[in-house]
C-alpha cells in the first residue's frame, strides 16, 4: 500500500512541490559533507527523476536560487563531480513555496505526505 501511495504521489506531484522538495533537501544538507549534495543523492532523497532533476537544478542556478560547485574531481565515467548549494534567495523562496503548499494542505489540495522528503522516513 505504501509503495502504491508513493508511486501515485510521484505521478501527482506538481512543480511547486518538486521545487520545494529540492530546495528543502539542499537547505537541510547545507552543513553536511559535499557528497550528500551530488545529483544521485538529491535524486534519491527527493524522489525526483534524474532527467527532470538536472533540468530543474539548471533552472535554479540560472535563477540564482542554487549554486553549482565543481569539485575539480572527475567521476568514474569521466564526468566532473559537482554538487549544489542553496543560496540565501533560495532559502527565501523555499520558505515562500512551503507556505503556499501549507495553504494548499489547509484547503485540501495537497495531502500531508507531499510536504516531506522520502528521506524523512529513514
N, C-alpha and C. Protein backbone atom coordinates (compact mmCIF):
# COMPACT_ATOMS: atom_id res chain seq x y z
N UNK A 1 0.83 -1.19 0.00
CA UNK A 1 0.00 0.00 0.00
C UNK A 1 0.87 1.25 0.00
N UNK A 2 1.91 1.29 0.87
CA UNK A 2 2.80 2.45 0.94
C UNK A 2 3.51 2.68 -0.39
N UNK A 3 3.94 1.56 -1.05
CA UNK A 3 4.62 1.68 -2.34
C UNK A 3 3.67 2.26 -3.36
N UNK A 4 2.44 1.78 -3.36
CA UNK A 4 1.45 2.29 -4.31
C UNK A 4 1.19 3.77 -4.06
N UNK A 5 1.09 4.17 -2.80
CA UNK A 5 0.88 5.57 -2.44
C UNK A 5 2.04 6.42 -2.91
N UNK A 6 3.28 5.92 -2.72
CA UNK A 6 4.47 6.66 -3.15
C UNK A 6 4.47 6.83 -4.66
N UNK A 7 4.13 5.77 -5.39
CA UNK A 7 4.08 5.87 -6.86
C UNK A 7 3.05 6.90 -7.30
N UNK A 8 1.88 6.86 -6.66
CA UNK A 8 0.83 7.82 -7.01
C UNK A 8 1.27 9.24 -6.70
N UNK A 9 1.99 9.43 -5.59
CA UNK A 9 2.45 10.77 -5.22
C UNK A 9 3.41 11.28 -6.29
N UNK A 10 4.28 10.42 -6.79
CA UNK A 10 5.22 10.86 -7.82
C UNK A 10 4.49 11.32 -9.06
N UNK A 11 3.44 10.58 -9.45
CA UNK A 11 2.70 10.96 -10.63
C UNK A 11 1.91 12.25 -10.41
N UNK A 12 1.46 12.49 -9.20
CA UNK A 12 0.61 13.64 -8.92
C UNK A 12 1.39 14.90 -8.55
N UNK A 13 2.66 14.74 -8.21
CA UNK A 13 3.42 15.89 -7.72
C UNK A 13 3.47 16.99 -8.77
N UNK A 14 3.28 18.21 -8.35
CA UNK A 14 3.34 19.32 -9.29
C UNK A 14 4.63 20.12 -9.09
N UNK A 15 4.82 21.13 -9.91
CA UNK A 15 6.08 21.87 -9.93
C UNK A 15 6.41 22.57 -8.61
N UNK A 16 5.48 23.28 -7.96
CA UNK A 16 5.83 23.91 -6.68
C UNK A 16 6.31 22.90 -5.64
N UNK A 17 5.67 21.74 -5.59
CA UNK A 17 6.07 20.72 -4.63
C UNK A 17 7.46 20.18 -4.97
N UNK A 18 7.72 19.96 -6.25
CA UNK A 18 9.02 19.47 -6.69
C UNK A 18 10.11 20.48 -6.33
N UNK A 19 9.89 21.75 -6.63
CA UNK A 19 10.86 22.79 -6.28
C UNK A 19 11.09 22.84 -4.77
N UNK A 20 10.00 22.77 -4.01
CA UNK A 20 10.11 22.82 -2.57
C UNK A 20 10.96 21.65 -2.05
N UNK A 21 10.71 20.46 -2.56
CA UNK A 21 11.43 19.28 -2.08
C UNK A 21 12.92 19.40 -2.36
N UNK A 22 13.28 19.90 -3.53
CA UNK A 22 14.70 20.05 -3.89
C UNK A 22 15.35 21.11 -3.00
N UNK A 23 14.70 22.27 -2.88
CA UNK A 23 15.26 23.35 -2.06
C UNK A 23 15.33 22.95 -0.59
N UNK A 24 14.33 22.22 -0.11
CA UNK A 24 14.34 21.75 1.27
C UNK A 24 15.52 20.81 1.51
N UNK A 25 15.75 19.89 0.58
CA UNK A 25 16.87 18.96 0.73
C UNK A 25 18.20 19.72 0.76
N UNK A 26 18.38 20.65 -0.19
CA UNK A 26 19.63 21.42 -0.23
C UNK A 26 19.81 22.24 1.05
N UNK A 27 18.72 22.76 1.56
CA UNK A 27 18.77 23.54 2.79
C UNK A 27 19.17 22.66 3.98
N UNK A 28 18.56 21.49 4.07
CA UNK A 28 18.88 20.58 5.17
C UNK A 28 20.31 20.06 5.10
N UNK A 29 20.83 19.92 3.89
CA UNK A 29 22.17 19.36 3.72
C UNK A 29 23.26 20.43 3.68
N UNK A 30 22.92 21.67 3.94
CA UNK A 30 23.86 22.77 3.82
C UNK A 30 25.13 22.56 4.63
N UNK A 31 25.01 22.05 5.83
CA UNK A 31 26.19 21.90 6.68
C UNK A 31 26.78 20.49 6.58
N UNK A 32 26.24 19.66 5.71
CA UNK A 32 26.71 18.28 5.56
C UNK A 32 27.86 18.20 4.56
N UNK A 33 28.41 17.01 4.43
CA UNK A 33 29.52 16.79 3.51
C UNK A 33 29.09 17.00 2.06
N UNK A 34 30.07 17.29 1.21
CA UNK A 34 29.79 17.62 -0.19
C UNK A 34 29.08 16.47 -0.91
N UNK A 35 29.47 15.22 -0.67
CA UNK A 35 28.89 14.11 -1.42
C UNK A 35 27.38 13.97 -1.19
N UNK A 36 26.84 14.55 -0.12
CA UNK A 36 25.40 14.49 0.12
C UNK A 36 24.63 15.41 -0.81
N UNK A 37 25.34 16.29 -1.51
CA UNK A 37 24.66 17.26 -2.38
C UNK A 37 24.94 17.00 -3.85
N UNK A 38 25.36 15.77 -4.18
CA UNK A 38 25.54 15.39 -5.57
C UNK A 38 24.22 14.92 -6.14
N UNK A 39 24.14 14.89 -7.47
CA UNK A 39 22.90 14.60 -8.18
C UNK A 39 22.22 13.32 -7.70
N UNK A 40 22.97 12.24 -7.60
CA UNK A 40 22.37 10.96 -7.24
C UNK A 40 21.77 10.99 -5.83
N UNK A 41 22.43 11.66 -4.91
CA UNK A 41 21.90 11.74 -3.54
C UNK A 41 20.64 12.61 -3.50
N UNK A 42 20.64 13.70 -4.26
CA UNK A 42 19.45 14.57 -4.31
C UNK A 42 18.28 13.80 -4.94
N UNK A 43 18.58 13.04 -5.99
CA UNK A 43 17.55 12.24 -6.66
C UNK A 43 16.92 11.23 -5.70
N UNK A 44 17.74 10.51 -4.98
CA UNK A 44 17.24 9.50 -4.03
C UNK A 44 16.43 10.14 -2.90
N UNK A 45 16.91 11.24 -2.39
CA UNK A 45 16.27 11.87 -1.24
C UNK A 45 14.95 12.57 -1.58
N UNK A 46 14.85 13.10 -2.79
CA UNK A 46 13.65 13.87 -3.14
C UNK A 46 12.64 13.07 -3.95
N UNK A 47 13.08 11.97 -4.57
CA UNK A 47 12.17 11.18 -5.40
C UNK A 47 11.91 11.81 -6.75
N UNK A 48 12.74 12.75 -7.17
CA UNK A 48 12.58 13.41 -8.46
C UNK A 48 13.47 12.69 -9.47
N UNK A 49 12.93 12.37 -10.64
CA UNK A 49 13.65 11.69 -11.69
C UNK A 49 14.91 12.46 -12.10
N UNK A 50 15.99 11.75 -12.36
CA UNK A 50 17.29 12.39 -12.64
C UNK A 50 17.23 13.37 -13.81
N UNK A 51 16.55 12.99 -14.89
CA UNK A 51 16.47 13.87 -16.05
C UNK A 51 15.76 15.18 -15.70
N UNK A 52 14.64 15.05 -14.99
CA UNK A 52 13.89 16.23 -14.55
C UNK A 52 14.71 17.03 -13.53
N UNK A 53 15.40 16.33 -12.64
CA UNK A 53 16.20 16.98 -11.61
C UNK A 53 17.31 17.82 -12.22
N UNK A 54 17.99 17.30 -13.23
CA UNK A 54 19.06 18.07 -13.89
C UNK A 54 18.51 19.37 -14.47
N UNK A 55 17.36 19.26 -15.13
CA UNK A 55 16.74 20.44 -15.73
C UNK A 55 16.36 21.47 -14.67
N UNK A 56 15.78 21.00 -13.58
CA UNK A 56 15.35 21.90 -12.51
C UNK A 56 16.55 22.54 -11.82
N UNK A 57 17.60 21.76 -11.55
CA UNK A 57 18.79 22.32 -10.91
C UNK A 57 19.43 23.39 -11.80
N UNK A 58 19.44 23.14 -13.11
CA UNK A 58 19.98 24.13 -14.03
C UNK A 58 19.16 25.43 -13.95
N UNK A 59 17.84 25.29 -13.88
CA UNK A 59 16.97 26.46 -13.76
C UNK A 59 17.19 27.19 -12.43
N UNK A 60 17.38 26.43 -11.36
CA UNK A 60 17.62 27.04 -10.06
C UNK A 60 18.93 27.83 -10.05
N UNK A 61 19.95 27.30 -10.73
CA UNK A 61 21.24 28.01 -10.83
C UNK A 61 21.06 29.29 -11.63
N UNK A 62 20.35 29.21 -12.75
CA UNK A 62 20.12 30.40 -13.58
C UNK A 62 19.32 31.47 -12.83
N UNK A 63 18.41 31.03 -11.96
CA UNK A 63 17.59 31.96 -11.17
C UNK A 63 18.31 32.42 -9.90
N UNK A 64 19.54 31.94 -9.71
CA UNK A 64 20.37 32.27 -8.55
C UNK A 64 19.75 31.82 -7.23
N UNK A 65 19.01 30.69 -7.28
CA UNK A 65 18.44 30.10 -6.08
C UNK A 65 19.33 28.98 -5.55
N UNK A 66 20.26 28.53 -6.40
CA UNK A 66 21.22 27.50 -6.01
C UNK A 66 22.52 27.76 -6.77
N UNK A 67 23.62 27.27 -6.22
CA UNK A 67 24.92 27.38 -6.87
C UNK A 67 25.42 25.99 -7.23
N UNK A 68 25.95 25.85 -8.43
CA UNK A 68 26.56 24.60 -8.87
C UNK A 68 28.06 24.74 -8.63
N UNK A 69 28.63 23.83 -7.85
CA UNK A 69 30.04 23.93 -7.47
C UNK A 69 30.79 22.72 -8.01
N UNK A 70 31.78 22.98 -8.85
CA UNK A 70 32.62 21.93 -9.42
C UNK A 70 33.75 21.63 -8.44
N UNK A 71 33.87 20.36 -8.06
CA UNK A 71 34.90 19.98 -7.08
C UNK A 71 36.29 19.87 -7.70
N UNK A 72 36.36 19.87 -9.03
CA UNK A 72 37.65 19.72 -9.71
C UNK A 72 38.03 18.26 -9.89
N UNK A 73 37.26 17.35 -9.31
CA UNK A 73 37.50 15.91 -9.44
C UNK A 73 36.70 15.36 -10.61
N UNK A 74 37.10 14.17 -11.05
CA UNK A 74 36.42 13.51 -12.16
C UNK A 74 35.87 12.18 -11.67
N UNK A 75 34.62 11.88 -12.06
CA UNK A 75 33.98 10.63 -11.66
C UNK A 75 34.44 9.46 -12.50
N UNK A 76 33.89 8.27 -12.21
CA UNK A 76 34.28 7.05 -12.92
C UNK A 76 34.05 7.13 -14.41
N UNK A 77 33.01 7.81 -14.82
CA UNK A 77 32.69 7.92 -16.25
C UNK A 77 33.40 9.09 -16.93
N UNK A 78 34.27 9.79 -16.22
CA UNK A 78 34.98 10.92 -16.79
C UNK A 78 34.25 12.25 -16.66
N UNK A 79 33.11 12.24 -16.02
CA UNK A 79 32.33 13.47 -15.85
C UNK A 79 32.82 14.22 -14.61
N UNK A 80 32.70 15.54 -14.63
CA UNK A 80 33.13 16.32 -13.45
C UNK A 80 32.20 16.06 -12.27
N UNK A 81 32.76 15.97 -11.07
CA UNK A 81 31.95 15.80 -9.86
C UNK A 81 31.54 17.18 -9.36
N UNK A 82 30.25 17.43 -9.35
CA UNK A 82 29.72 18.71 -8.91
C UNK A 82 28.72 18.48 -7.78
N UNK A 83 28.49 19.52 -7.02
CA UNK A 83 27.44 19.49 -6.01
C UNK A 83 26.73 20.84 -6.02
N UNK A 84 25.60 20.90 -5.36
CA UNK A 84 24.78 22.11 -5.36
C UNK A 84 24.62 22.62 -3.94
N UNK A 85 24.58 23.94 -3.82
CA UNK A 85 24.34 24.62 -2.55
C UNK A 85 23.17 25.57 -2.73
N UNK A 86 22.33 25.68 -1.73
CA UNK A 86 21.22 26.63 -1.77
C UNK A 86 21.77 28.02 -1.44
N UNK A 87 21.24 29.03 -2.12
CA UNK A 87 21.64 30.40 -1.83
C UNK A 87 20.66 31.02 -0.84
N UNK A 88 20.96 32.23 -0.40
CA UNK A 88 20.05 32.93 0.52
C UNK A 88 18.70 33.16 -0.16
N UNK A 89 18.74 33.55 -1.43
CA UNK A 89 17.48 33.74 -2.18
C UNK A 89 16.71 32.42 -2.27
N UNK A 90 17.43 31.32 -2.44
CA UNK A 90 16.79 30.01 -2.49
C UNK A 90 16.09 29.66 -1.19
N UNK A 91 16.70 30.04 -0.07
CA UNK A 91 16.08 29.79 1.23
C UNK A 91 14.77 30.58 1.38
N UNK A 92 14.80 31.82 0.91
CA UNK A 92 13.60 32.66 0.98
C UNK A 92 12.48 32.05 0.12
N UNK A 93 12.82 31.66 -1.10
CA UNK A 93 11.83 31.06 -2.00
C UNK A 93 11.31 29.74 -1.44
N UNK A 94 12.21 28.93 -0.84
CA UNK A 94 11.79 27.66 -0.24
C UNK A 94 10.74 27.92 0.83
N UNK A 95 10.99 28.92 1.63
CA UNK A 95 10.07 29.28 2.69
C UNK A 95 8.72 29.75 2.13
N UNK A 96 8.76 30.58 1.10
CA UNK A 96 7.53 31.07 0.47
C UNK A 96 6.73 29.94 -0.18
N UNK A 97 7.44 29.06 -0.90
CA UNK A 97 6.77 27.93 -1.55
C UNK A 97 6.18 27.01 -0.48
N UNK A 98 6.92 26.82 0.62
CA UNK A 98 6.42 26.00 1.71
C UNK A 98 5.13 26.54 2.29
N UNK A 99 5.04 27.85 2.44
CA UNK A 99 3.81 28.47 2.94
C UNK A 99 2.66 28.28 1.96
N UNK A 100 2.96 28.35 0.66
CA UNK A 100 1.96 28.14 -0.37
C UNK A 100 1.42 26.70 -0.30
N UNK A 101 2.33 25.72 -0.13
CA UNK A 101 1.92 24.32 -0.03
C UNK A 101 1.11 24.09 1.25
N UNK A 102 1.54 24.72 2.33
CA UNK A 102 0.81 24.61 3.59
C UNK A 102 -0.62 25.14 3.45
N UNK A 103 -0.77 26.24 2.74
CA UNK A 103 -2.10 26.78 2.45
C UNK A 103 -2.90 25.76 1.64
N UNK A 104 -2.25 25.16 0.65
CA UNK A 104 -2.92 24.12 -0.15
C UNK A 104 -3.35 22.93 0.69
N UNK A 105 -2.54 22.56 1.69
CA UNK A 105 -2.92 21.48 2.59
C UNK A 105 -4.16 21.86 3.40
N UNK A 106 -4.16 23.07 3.91
CA UNK A 106 -5.31 23.53 4.71
C UNK A 106 -6.59 23.58 3.87
N UNK A 107 -6.43 23.85 2.58
CA UNK A 107 -7.57 23.91 1.68
C UNK A 107 -7.93 22.53 1.12
N UNK A 108 -7.13 21.52 1.46
CA UNK A 108 -7.41 20.17 1.00
C UNK A 108 -6.87 19.84 -0.38
N UNK A 109 -6.02 20.69 -0.93
CA UNK A 109 -5.46 20.47 -2.26
C UNK A 109 -4.22 19.57 -2.24
N UNK A 110 -3.47 19.58 -1.16
CA UNK A 110 -2.26 18.77 -1.02
C UNK A 110 -2.41 17.84 0.18
N UNK A 111 -2.16 16.53 0.00
CA UNK A 111 -2.14 15.64 1.16
C UNK A 111 -0.87 15.88 1.98
N UNK A 112 -0.89 15.57 3.25
CA UNK A 112 0.25 15.79 4.15
C UNK A 112 1.56 15.20 3.61
N UNK A 113 1.59 13.96 3.04
CA UNK A 113 2.88 13.38 2.61
C UNK A 113 3.63 14.21 1.57
N UNK A 114 2.97 15.08 0.83
CA UNK A 114 3.66 15.88 -0.17
C UNK A 114 4.69 16.81 0.45
N UNK A 115 4.50 17.16 1.70
CA UNK A 115 5.32 18.16 2.34
C UNK A 115 6.66 17.62 2.82
N UNK A 116 6.83 16.30 2.84
CA UNK A 116 8.03 15.69 3.41
C UNK A 116 8.87 14.99 2.36
N UNK A 117 10.13 14.79 2.67
CA UNK A 117 11.05 14.09 1.78
C UNK A 117 11.00 12.59 2.07
N UNK A 118 11.23 11.74 1.07
CA UNK A 118 11.30 10.31 1.33
C UNK A 118 12.34 9.97 2.40
N UNK A 119 13.39 10.76 2.48
CA UNK A 119 14.45 10.50 3.46
C UNK A 119 13.99 10.80 4.89
N UNK A 120 12.85 11.46 5.08
CA UNK A 120 12.32 11.73 6.42
C UNK A 120 11.92 10.44 7.12
N UNK A 121 11.56 9.42 6.34
CA UNK A 121 11.11 8.14 6.91
C UNK A 121 12.26 7.32 7.47
N UNK A 122 13.47 7.61 7.03
CA UNK A 122 14.64 6.81 7.45
C UNK A 122 15.05 7.16 8.85
